[in-house]
């Protein structure tokens, strides 16, 4: 299963670096860009935690003002898609 969420995280500007570090330290979370207290983040499901739970956890990071879901992609992965990526012929 593939579950990816894109979020905009708005922080107190003086806390942006520590918020970025906290998100980067989270399995499944990745920072892609930031400017003026706004951080573009993607979050994926992991074996231990769903993306939705990770997003809720981001609200608890000191310095975070808001987390807005801006993109969501969810699909069941077909096991045969691995066969296409790794042909045996």
PDB file of N, CA and C in Angstrom:
ATOM      1  N   UNK A   1       0.848  -1.159   0.000  1.00  0.00           N
ATOM      2  CA  UNK A   1       0.000   0.000   0.000  1.00  0.00           C
ATOM      3  C   UNK A   1       0.906   1.238   0.000  1.00  0.00           C
ATOM      4  N   UNK A   2       0.516   2.223  -0.756  1.00  0.00           N
ATOM      5  CA  UNK A   2       1.246   3.479  -0.846  1.00  0.00           C
ATOM      6  C   UNK A   2       0.350   4.586  -0.317  1.00  0.00           C
ATOM      7  N   UNK A   3       0.834   5.323   0.671  1.00  0.00           N
ATOM      8  CA  UNK A   3       0.085   6.422   1.261  1.00  0.00           C
ATOM      9  C   UNK A   3       1.057   7.571   1.489  1.00  0.00           C
ATOM     10  N   UNK A   4       0.918   8.635   0.692  1.00  0.00           N
ATOM     11  CA  UNK A   4       1.802   9.789   0.787  1.00  0.00           C
ATOM     12  C   UNK A   4       0.952  11.034   1.003  1.00  0.00           C
ATOM     13  N   UNK A   5       1.364  11.860   1.957  1.00  0.00           N
ATOM     14  CA  UNK A   5       0.689  13.125   2.226  1.00  0.00           C
ATOM     15  C   UNK A   5       1.687  14.263   2.079  1.00  0.00           C
ATOM     16  N   UNK A   6       1.259  15.330   1.436  1.00  0.00           N
ATOM     17  CA  UNK A   6       2.048  16.546   1.361  1.00  0.00           C
ATOM     18  C   UNK A   6       1.447  17.567   2.300  1.00  0.00           C
ATOM     19  N   UNK A   7       2.302  18.248   3.051  1.00  0.00           N
ATOM     20  CA  UNK A   7       1.823  19.208   4.042  1.00  0.00           C
ATOM     21  C   UNK A   7       2.616  20.506   3.982  1.00  0.00           C
ATOM     22  N   UNK A   8       1.965  21.576   4.389  1.00  0.00           N
ATOM     23  CA  UNK A   8       2.624  22.846   4.626  1.00  0.00           C
ATOM     24  C   UNK A   8       2.620  23.058   6.130  1.00  0.00           C
ATOM     25  N   UNK A   9       3.807  23.160   6.698  1.00  0.00           N
ATOM     26  CA  UNK A   9       3.950  23.370   8.133  1.00  0.00           C
ATOM     27  C   UNK A   9       4.373  24.821   8.340  1.00  0.00           C
ATOM     28  N   UNK A  10       3.590  25.557   9.115  1.00  0.00           N
ATOM     29  CA  UNK A  10       3.891  26.952   9.413  1.00  0.00           C
ATOM     30  C   UNK A  10       4.440  26.999  10.831  1.00  0.00           C
ATOM     31  N   UNK A  11       5.615  27.627  10.979  1.00  0.00           N
ATOM     32  CA  UNK A  11       6.291  27.651  12.275  1.00  0.00           C
ATOM     33  C   UNK A  11       6.534  29.084  12.735  1.00  0.00           C
ATOM     34  N   UNK A  12       6.883  29.206  14.008  1.00  0.00           N
ATOM     35  CA  UNK A  12       7.435  30.469  14.478  1.00  0.00           C
ATOM     36  C   UNK A  12       8.816  30.578  13.815  1.00  0.00           C
ATOM     37  N   UNK A  13       9.092  31.666  13.110  1.00  0.00           N
ATOM     38  CA  UNK A  13      10.328  31.746  12.313  1.00  0.00           C
ATOM     39  C   UNK A  13      11.605  31.406  13.079  1.00  0.00           C
ATOM     40  N   UNK A  14      11.711  31.803  14.331  1.00  0.00           N
ATOM     41  CA  UNK A  14      12.918  31.528  15.107  1.00  0.00           C
ATOM     42  C   UNK A  14      13.044  30.044  15.473  1.00  0.00           C
ATOM     43  N   UNK A  15      11.985  29.260  15.276  1.00  0.00           N
ATOM     44  CA  UNK A  15      11.993  27.834  15.627  1.00  0.00           C
ATOM     45  C   UNK A  15      12.062  26.936  14.394  1.00  0.00           C
ATOM     46  N   UNK A  16      12.129  27.519  13.203  1.00  0.00           N
ATOM     47  CA  UNK A  16      12.076  26.735  11.967  1.00  0.00           C
ATOM     48  C   UNK A  16      13.144  25.652  11.914  1.00  0.00           C
ATOM     49  N   UNK A  17      14.383  25.988  12.256  1.00  0.00           N
ATOM     50  CA  UNK A  17      15.464  24.996  12.172  1.00  0.00           C
ATOM     51  C   UNK A  17      15.220  23.807  13.086  1.00  0.00           C
ATOM     52  N   UNK A  18      14.726  24.042  14.296  1.00  0.00           N
ATOM     53  CA  UNK A  18      14.473  22.917  15.211  1.00  0.00           C
ATOM     54  C   UNK A  18      13.277  22.095  14.747  1.00  0.00           C
ATOM     55  N   UNK A  19      12.288  22.731  14.134  1.00  0.00           N
ATOM     56  CA  UNK A  19      11.139  21.988  13.597  1.00  0.00           C
ATOM     57  C   UNK A  19      11.598  21.114  12.429  1.00  0.00           C
ATOM     58  N   UNK A  20      12.432  21.666  11.550  1.00  0.00           N
ATOM     59  CA  UNK A  20      12.967  20.888  10.430  1.00  0.00           C
ATOM     60  C   UNK A  20      13.733  19.674  10.943  1.00  0.00           C
ATOM     61  N   UNK A  21      14.555  19.873  11.956  1.00  0.00           N
ATOM     62  CA  UNK A  21      15.332  18.763  12.520  1.00  0.00           C
ATOM     63  C   UNK A  21      14.411  17.685  13.087  1.00  0.00           C
ATOM     64  N   UNK A  22      13.340  18.095  13.752  1.00  0.00           N
ATOM     65  CA  UNK A  22      12.400  17.126  14.331  1.00  0.00           C
ATOM     66  C   UNK A  22      11.680  16.344  13.244  1.00  0.00           C
ATOM     67  N   UNK A  23      11.283  17.016  12.161  1.00  0.00           N
ATOM     68  CA  UNK A  23      10.595  16.324  11.066  1.00  0.00           C
ATOM     69  C   UNK A  23      11.548  15.377  10.359  1.00  0.00           C
ATOM     70  N   UNK A  24      12.773  15.837  10.091  1.00  0.00           N
ATOM     71  CA  UNK A  24      13.759  14.978   9.429  1.00  0.00           C
ATOM     72  C   UNK A  24      14.133  13.756  10.272  1.00  0.00           C
ATOM     73  N   UNK A  25      14.029  13.873  11.588  1.00  0.00           N
ATOM     74  CA  UNK A  25      14.358  12.756  12.481  1.00  0.00           C
ATOM     75  C   UNK A  25      13.240  11.730  12.553  1.00  0.00           C
ATOM     76  N   UNK A  26      12.095  12.050  11.973  1.00  0.00           N
ATOM     77  CA  UNK A  26      10.938  11.163  11.998  1.00  0.00           C
ATOM     78  C   UNK A  26      10.969  10.242  10.784  1.00  0.00           C
ATOM     79  N   UNK A  27      10.906   8.935  11.023  1.00  0.00           N
ATOM     80  CA  UNK A  27      10.834   7.998   9.905  1.00  0.00           C
ATOM     81  C   UNK A  27       9.551   8.259   9.133  1.00  0.00           C
ATOM     82  N   UNK A  28       9.683   8.398   7.815  1.00  0.00           N
ATOM     83  CA  UNK A  28       8.525   8.660   6.974  1.00  0.00           C
ATOM     84  C   UNK A  28       8.319  10.133   6.666  1.00  0.00           C
ATOM     85  N   UNK A  29       8.977  11.029   7.408  1.00  0.00           N
ATOM     86  CA  UNK A  29       8.851  12.465   7.181  1.00  0.00           C
ATOM     87  C   UNK A  29      10.054  12.989   6.416  1.00  0.00           C
ATOM     88  N   UNK A  30       9.810  13.902   5.490  1.00  0.00           N
ATOM     89  CA  UNK A  30      10.902  14.482   4.713  1.00  0.00           C
ATOM     90  C   UNK A  30      10.592  15.942   4.396  1.00  0.00           C
ATOM     91  N   UNK A  31      11.565  16.810   4.681  1.00  0.00           N
ATOM     92  CA  UNK A  31      11.448  18.226   4.374  1.00  0.00           C
ATOM     93  C   UNK A  31      11.990  18.454   2.973  1.00  0.00           C
ATOM     94  N   UNK A  32      11.236  19.182   2.151  1.00  0.00           N
ATOM     95  CA  UNK A  32      11.648  19.434   0.769  1.00  0.00           C
ATOM     96  C   UNK A  32      12.071  20.875   0.535  1.00  0.00           C
ATOM     97  N   UNK A  33      11.498  21.807   1.253  1.00  0.00           N
ATOM     98  CA  UNK A  33      11.838  23.219   1.085  1.00  0.00           C
ATOM     99  C   UNK A  33      11.333  23.985   2.299  1.00  0.00           C
ATOM    100  N   UNK A  34      11.922  25.168   2.521  1.00  0.00           N
ATOM    101  CA  UNK A  34      11.419  26.038   3.584  1.00  0.00           C
ATOM    102  C   UNK A  34      11.808  27.481   3.294  1.00  0.00           C
ATOM    103  N   UNK A  35      10.949  28.376   3.753  1.00  0.00           N
ATOM    104  CA  UNK A  35      11.195  29.804   3.607  1.00  0.00           C
ATOM    105  C   UNK A  35      10.269  30.557   4.553  1.00  0.00           C
ATOM    106  N   UNK A  36      10.825  31.509   5.281  1.00  0.00           N
ATOM    107  CA  UNK A  36      10.039  32.402   6.136  1.00  0.00           C
ATOM    108  C   UNK A  36       9.078  31.667   7.069  1.00  0.00           C
ATOM    109  N   UNK A  37       9.553  30.601   7.696  1.00  0.00           N
ATOM    110  CA  UNK A  37       8.720  29.879   8.655  1.00  0.00           C
ATOM    111  C   UNK A  37       7.726  28.919   8.047  1.00  0.00           C
ATOM    112  N   UNK A  38       7.781  28.740   6.732  1.00  0.00           N
ATOM    113  CA  UNK A  38       6.908  27.762   6.064  1.00  0.00           C
ATOM    114  C   UNK A  38       7.781  26.613   5.571  1.00  0.00           C
ATOM    115  N   UNK A  39       7.323  25.385   5.813  1.00  0.00           N
ATOM    116  CA  UNK A  39       8.084  24.186   5.469  1.00  0.00           C
ATOM    117  C   UNK A  39       7.205  23.268   4.634  1.00  0.00           C
ATOM    118  N   UNK A  40       7.740  22.815   3.504  1.00  0.00           N
ATOM    119  CA  UNK A  40       7.043  21.853   2.644  1.00  0.00           C
ATOM    120  C   UNK A  40       7.538  20.460   3.039  1.00  0.00           C
ATOM    121  N   UNK A  41       6.598  19.593   3.392  1.00  0.00           N
ATOM    122  CA  UNK A  41       6.916  18.280   3.954  1.00  0.00           C
ATOM    123  C   UNK A  41       6.108  17.195   3.245  1.00  0.00           C
ATOM    124  N   UNK A  42       6.718  16.031   3.035  1.00  0.00           N
ATOM    125  CA  UNK A  42       5.941  14.842   2.680  1.00  0.00           C
ATOM    126  C   UNK A  42       6.054  13.848   3.820  1.00  0.00           C
ATOM    127  N   UNK A  43       4.986  13.099   4.002  1.00  0.00           N
ATOM    128  CA  UNK A  43       4.912  12.087   5.045  1.00  0.00           C
ATOM    129  C   UNK A  43       4.353  10.818   4.418  1.00  0.00           C
ATOM    130  N   UNK A  44       5.018   9.695   4.684  1.00  0.00           N
ATOM    131  CA  UNK A  44       4.576   8.394   4.176  1.00  0.00           C
ATOM    132  C   UNK A  44       4.309   7.450   5.330  1.00  0.00           C
ATOM    133  N   UNK A  45       3.381   6.516   5.104  1.00  0.00           N
ATOM    134  CA  UNK A  45       3.169   5.450   6.087  1.00  0.00           C
ATOM    135  C   UNK A  45       4.484   4.700   6.296  1.00  0.00           C
ATOM    136  N   UNK A  46       4.717   4.266   7.526  1.00  0.00           N
ATOM    137  CA  UNK A  46       5.830   3.369   7.827  1.00  0.00           C
ATOM    138  C   UNK A  46       5.243   2.096   8.422  1.00  0.00           C
ATOM    139  N   UNK A  47       6.097   1.129   8.698  1.00  0.00           N
ATOM    140  CA  UNK A  47       5.618  -0.111   9.324  1.00  0.00           C
ATOM    141  C   UNK A  47       5.056   0.155  10.721  1.00  0.00           C
ATOM    142  N   UNK A  48       5.582   1.197  11.389  1.00  0.00           N
ATOM    143  CA  UNK A  48       5.183   1.474  12.765  1.00  0.00           C
ATOM    144  C   UNK A  48       4.076   2.510  12.898  1.00  0.00           C
ATOM    145  N   UNK A  49       3.950   3.417  11.918  1.00  0.00           N
ATOM    146  CA  UNK A  49       3.019   4.526  12.107  1.00  0.00           C
ATOM    147  C   UNK A  49       2.414   4.973  10.786  1.00  0.00           C
ATOM    148  N   UNK A  50       1.127   5.277  10.828  1.00  0.00           N
ATOM    149  CA  UNK A  50       0.445   5.787   9.641  1.00  0.00           C
ATOM    150  C   UNK A  50       0.807   7.260   9.429  1.00  0.00           C
ATOM    151  N   UNK A  51       0.744   7.706   8.184  1.00  0.00           N
ATOM    152  CA  UNK A  51       1.036   9.101   7.851  1.00  0.00           C
ATOM    153  C   UNK A  51       0.113  10.046   8.618  1.00  0.00           C
ATOM    154  N   UNK A  52      -1.146   9.693   8.741  1.00  0.00           N
ATOM    155  CA  UNK A  52      -2.092  10.570   9.451  1.00  0.00           C
ATOM    156  C   UNK A  52      -1.687  10.766  10.910  1.00  0.00           C
ATOM    157  N   UNK A  53      -1.160   9.713  11.539  1.00  0.00           N
ATOM    158  CA  UNK A  53      -0.690   9.840  12.922  1.00  0.00           C
ATOM    159  C   UNK A  53       0.564  10.709  12.996  1.00  0.00           C
ATOM    160  N   UNK A  54       1.441  10.582  11.998  1.00  0.00           N
ATOM    161  CA  UNK A  54       2.640  11.408  11.967  1.00  0.00           C
ATOM    162  C   UNK A  54       2.280  12.882  11.811  1.00  0.00           C
ATOM    163  N   UNK A  55       1.266  13.157  10.989  1.00  0.00           N
ATOM    164  CA  UNK A  55       0.818  14.538  10.809  1.00  0.00           C
ATOM    165  C   UNK A  55       0.277  15.083  12.126  1.00  0.00           C
ATOM    166  N   UNK A  56      -0.498  14.289  12.829  1.00  0.00           N
ATOM    167  CA  UNK A  56      -1.013  14.732  14.130  1.00  0.00           C
ATOM    168  C   UNK A  56       0.142  14.987  15.102  1.00  0.00           C
ATOM    169  N   UNK A  57       1.182  14.149  15.048  1.00  0.00           N
ATOM    170  CA  UNK A  57       2.347  14.336  15.917  1.00  0.00           C
ATOM    171  C   UNK A  57       3.080  15.638  15.598  1.00  0.00           C
ATOM    172  N   UNK A  58       3.097  16.047  14.321  1.00  0.00           N
ATOM    173  CA  UNK A  58       3.788  17.287  13.947  1.00  0.00           C
ATOM    174  C   UNK A  58       3.185  18.488  14.658  1.00  0.00           C
ATOM    175  N   UNK A  59       1.897  18.438  14.963  1.00  0.00           N
ATOM    176  CA  UNK A  59       1.256  19.539  15.686  1.00  0.00           C
ATOM    177  C   UNK A  59       1.879  19.739  17.073  1.00  0.00           C
ATOM    178  N   UNK A  60       2.492  18.689  17.617  1.00  0.00           N
ATOM    179  CA  UNK A  60       3.044  18.742  18.969  1.00  0.00           C
ATOM    180  C   UNK A  60       4.500  19.196  19.002  1.00  0.00           C
ATOM    181  N   UNK A  61       5.130  19.380  17.849  1.00  0.00           N
ATOM    182  CA  UNK A  61       6.526  19.827  17.803  1.00  0.00           C
ATOM    183  C   UNK A  61       6.578  21.281  18.265  1.00  0.00           C
ATOM    184  N   UNK A  62       7.423  21.600  19.242  1.00  0.00           N
ATOM    185  CA  UNK A  62       7.525  22.992  19.693  1.00  0.00           C
ATOM    186  C   UNK A  62       7.875  23.925  18.532  1.00  0.00           C
ATOM    187  N   UNK A  63       7.117  25.011  18.414  1.00  0.00           N
ATOM    188  CA  UNK A  63       7.346  25.985  17.352  1.00  0.00           C
ATOM    189  C   UNK A  63       6.399  25.854  16.179  1.00  0.00           C
ATOM    190  N   UNK A  64       5.677  24.730  16.084  1.00  0.00           N
ATOM    191  CA  UNK A  64       4.722  24.540  14.987  1.00  0.00           C
ATOM    192  C   UNK A  64       3.439  25.301  15.301  1.00  0.00           C
ATOM    193  N   UNK A  65       3.019  26.129  14.347  1.00  0.00           N
ATOM    194  CA  UNK A  65       1.770  26.878  14.495  1.00  0.00           C
ATOM    195  C   UNK A  65       0.611  26.142  13.840  1.00  0.00           C
ATOM    196  N   UNK A  66       0.805  25.689  12.586  1.00  0.00           N
ATOM    197  CA  UNK A  66      -0.233  24.951  11.875  1.00  0.00           C
ATOM    198  C   UNK A  66       0.395  23.905  10.972  1.00  0.00           C
ATOM    199  N   UNK A  67      -0.362  22.850  10.698  1.00  0.00           N
ATOM    200  CA  UNK A  67      -0.009  21.842   9.708  1.00  0.00           C
ATOM    201  C   UNK A  67      -1.215  21.694   8.798  1.00  0.00           C
ATOM    202  N   UNK A  68      -1.009  21.949   7.501  1.00  0.00           N
ATOM    203  CA  UNK A  68      -2.105  21.892   6.546  1.00  0.00           C
ATOM    204  C   UNK A  68      -1.834  20.805   5.520  1.00  0.00           C
ATOM    205  N   UNK A  69      -2.764  19.882   5.380  1.00  0.00           N
ATOM    206  CA  UNK A  69      -2.653  18.844   4.362  1.00  0.00           C
ATOM    207  C   UNK A  69      -2.929  19.483   3.005  1.00  0.00           C
ATOM    208  N   UNK A  70      -1.969  19.375   2.081  1.00  0.00           N
ATOM    209  CA  UNK A  70      -2.130  19.999   0.770  1.00  0.00           C
ATOM    210  C   UNK A  70      -2.233  18.980  -0.354  1.00  0.00           C
ATOM    211  N   UNK A  71      -1.836  17.733  -0.080  1.00  0.00           N
ATOM    212  CA  UNK A  71      -1.848  16.694  -1.112  1.00  0.00           C
ATOM    213  C   UNK A  71      -1.960  15.350  -0.429  1.00  0.00           C
ATOM    214  N   UNK A  72      -2.728  14.430  -1.034  1.00  0.00           N
ATOM    215  CA  UNK A  72      -2.822  13.071  -0.504  1.00  0.00           C
ATOM    216  C   UNK A  72      -2.929  12.089  -1.656  1.00  0.00           C
ATOM    217  N   UNK A  73      -2.062  11.089  -1.640  1.00  0.00           N
ATOM    218  CA  UNK A  73      -2.110  10.033  -2.652  1.00  0.00           C
ATOM    219  C   UNK A  73      -2.118   8.698  -1.925  1.00  0.00           C
ATOM    220  N   UNK A  74      -3.103   7.871  -2.266  1.00  0.00           N
ATOM    221  CA  UNK A  74      -3.271   6.565  -1.626  1.00  0.00           C
ATOM    222  C   UNK A  74      -3.600   5.556  -2.708  1.00  0.00           C
ATOM    223  N   UNK A  75      -2.904   4.448  -2.720  1.00  0.00           N
ATOM    224  CA  UNK A  75      -3.248   3.381  -3.666  1.00  0.00           C
ATOM    225  C   UNK A  75      -2.769   2.040  -3.144  1.00  0.00           C
ATOM    226  N   UNK A  76      -3.511   1.028  -3.520  1.00  0.00           N
ATOM    227  CA  UNK A  76      -3.102  -0.343  -3.244  1.00  0.00           C
ATOM    228  C   UNK A  76      -2.061  -0.714  -4.290  1.00  0.00           C
ATOM    229  N   UNK A  77      -0.950  -1.236  -3.848  1.00  0.00           N
ATOM    230  CA  UNK A  77       0.080  -1.657  -4.788  1.00  0.00           C
ATOM    231  C   UNK A  77      -0.175  -3.093  -5.199  1.00  0.00           C
ATOM    232  N   UNK A  78      -0.123  -3.338  -6.488  1.00  0.00           N
ATOM    233  CA  UNK A  78      -0.293  -4.672  -7.043  1.00  0.00           C
ATOM    234  C   UNK A  78       1.034  -5.407  -6.909  1.00  0.00           C
ATOM    235  N   UNK A  79       1.016  -6.596  -6.319  1.00  0.00           N
ATOM    236  CA  UNK A  79       2.251  -7.356  -6.140  1.00  0.00           C
ATOM    237  C   UNK A  79       2.936  -7.641  -7.461  1.00  0.00           C
ATOM    238  N   UNK A  80       2.186  -7.721  -8.560  1.00  0.00           N
ATOM    239  CA  UNK A  80       2.792  -7.983  -9.851  1.00  0.00           C
ATOM    240  C   UNK A  80       3.593  -6.791 -10.353  1.00  0.00           C
ATOM    241  N   UNK A  81       3.405  -5.591  -9.763  1.00  0.00           N
ATOM    242  CA  UNK A  81       4.185  -4.437 -10.190  1.00  0.00           C
ATOM    243  C   UNK A  81       5.664  -4.652  -9.880  1.00  0.00           C
ATOM    244  N   UNK A  82       5.974  -5.439  -8.840  1.00  0.00           N
ATOM    245  CA  UNK A  82       7.368  -5.783  -8.565  1.00  0.00           C
ATOM    246  C   UNK A  82       7.950  -6.620  -9.685  1.00  0.00           C
ATOM    247  N   UNK A  83       7.123  -7.476 -10.268  1.00  0.00           N
ATOM    248  CA  UNK A  83       7.589  -8.310 -11.369  1.00  0.00           C
ATOM    249  C   UNK A  83       7.956  -7.460 -12.590  1.00  0.00           C
ATOM    250  N   UNK A  84       7.220  -6.372 -12.795  1.00  0.00           N
ATOM    251  CA  UNK A  84       7.523  -5.487 -13.920  1.00  0.00           C
ATOM    252  C   UNK A  84       8.817  -4.735 -13.684  1.00  0.00           C
ATOM    253  N   UNK A  85       9.087  -4.378 -12.433  1.00  0.00           N
ATOM    254  CA  UNK A  85      10.304  -3.647 -12.121  1.00  0.00           C
ATOM    255  C   UNK A  85      11.533  -4.546 -12.159  1.00  0.00           C
ATOM    256  N   UNK A  86      11.325  -5.828 -11.942  1.00  0.00           N
ATOM    257  CA  UNK A  86      12.440  -6.784 -11.890  1.00  0.00           C
ATOM    258  C   UNK A  86      12.109  -8.007 -12.757  1.00  0.00           C
ATOM    259  N   UNK A  87      12.137  -7.842 -14.072  1.00  0.00           N
ATOM    260  CA  UNK A  87      11.779  -8.989 -14.931  1.00  0.00           C
ATOM    261  C   UNK A  87      12.791 -10.125 -14.787  1.00  0.00           C
ATOM    262  N   UNK A  88      12.284 -11.323 -14.946  1.00  0.00           N
ATOM    263  CA  UNK A  88      13.153 -12.507 -14.816  1.00  0.00           C
ATOM    264  C   UNK A  88      13.587 -13.032 -16.172  1.00  0.00           C
ATOM    265  N   UNK A  89      13.224 -12.359 -17.256  1.00  0.00           N
ATOM    266  CA  UNK A  89      13.575 -12.836 -18.606  1.00  0.00           C
ATOM    267  C   UNK A  89      14.957 -12.389 -18.995  1.00  0.00           C
TER     268      UNK A  89
END
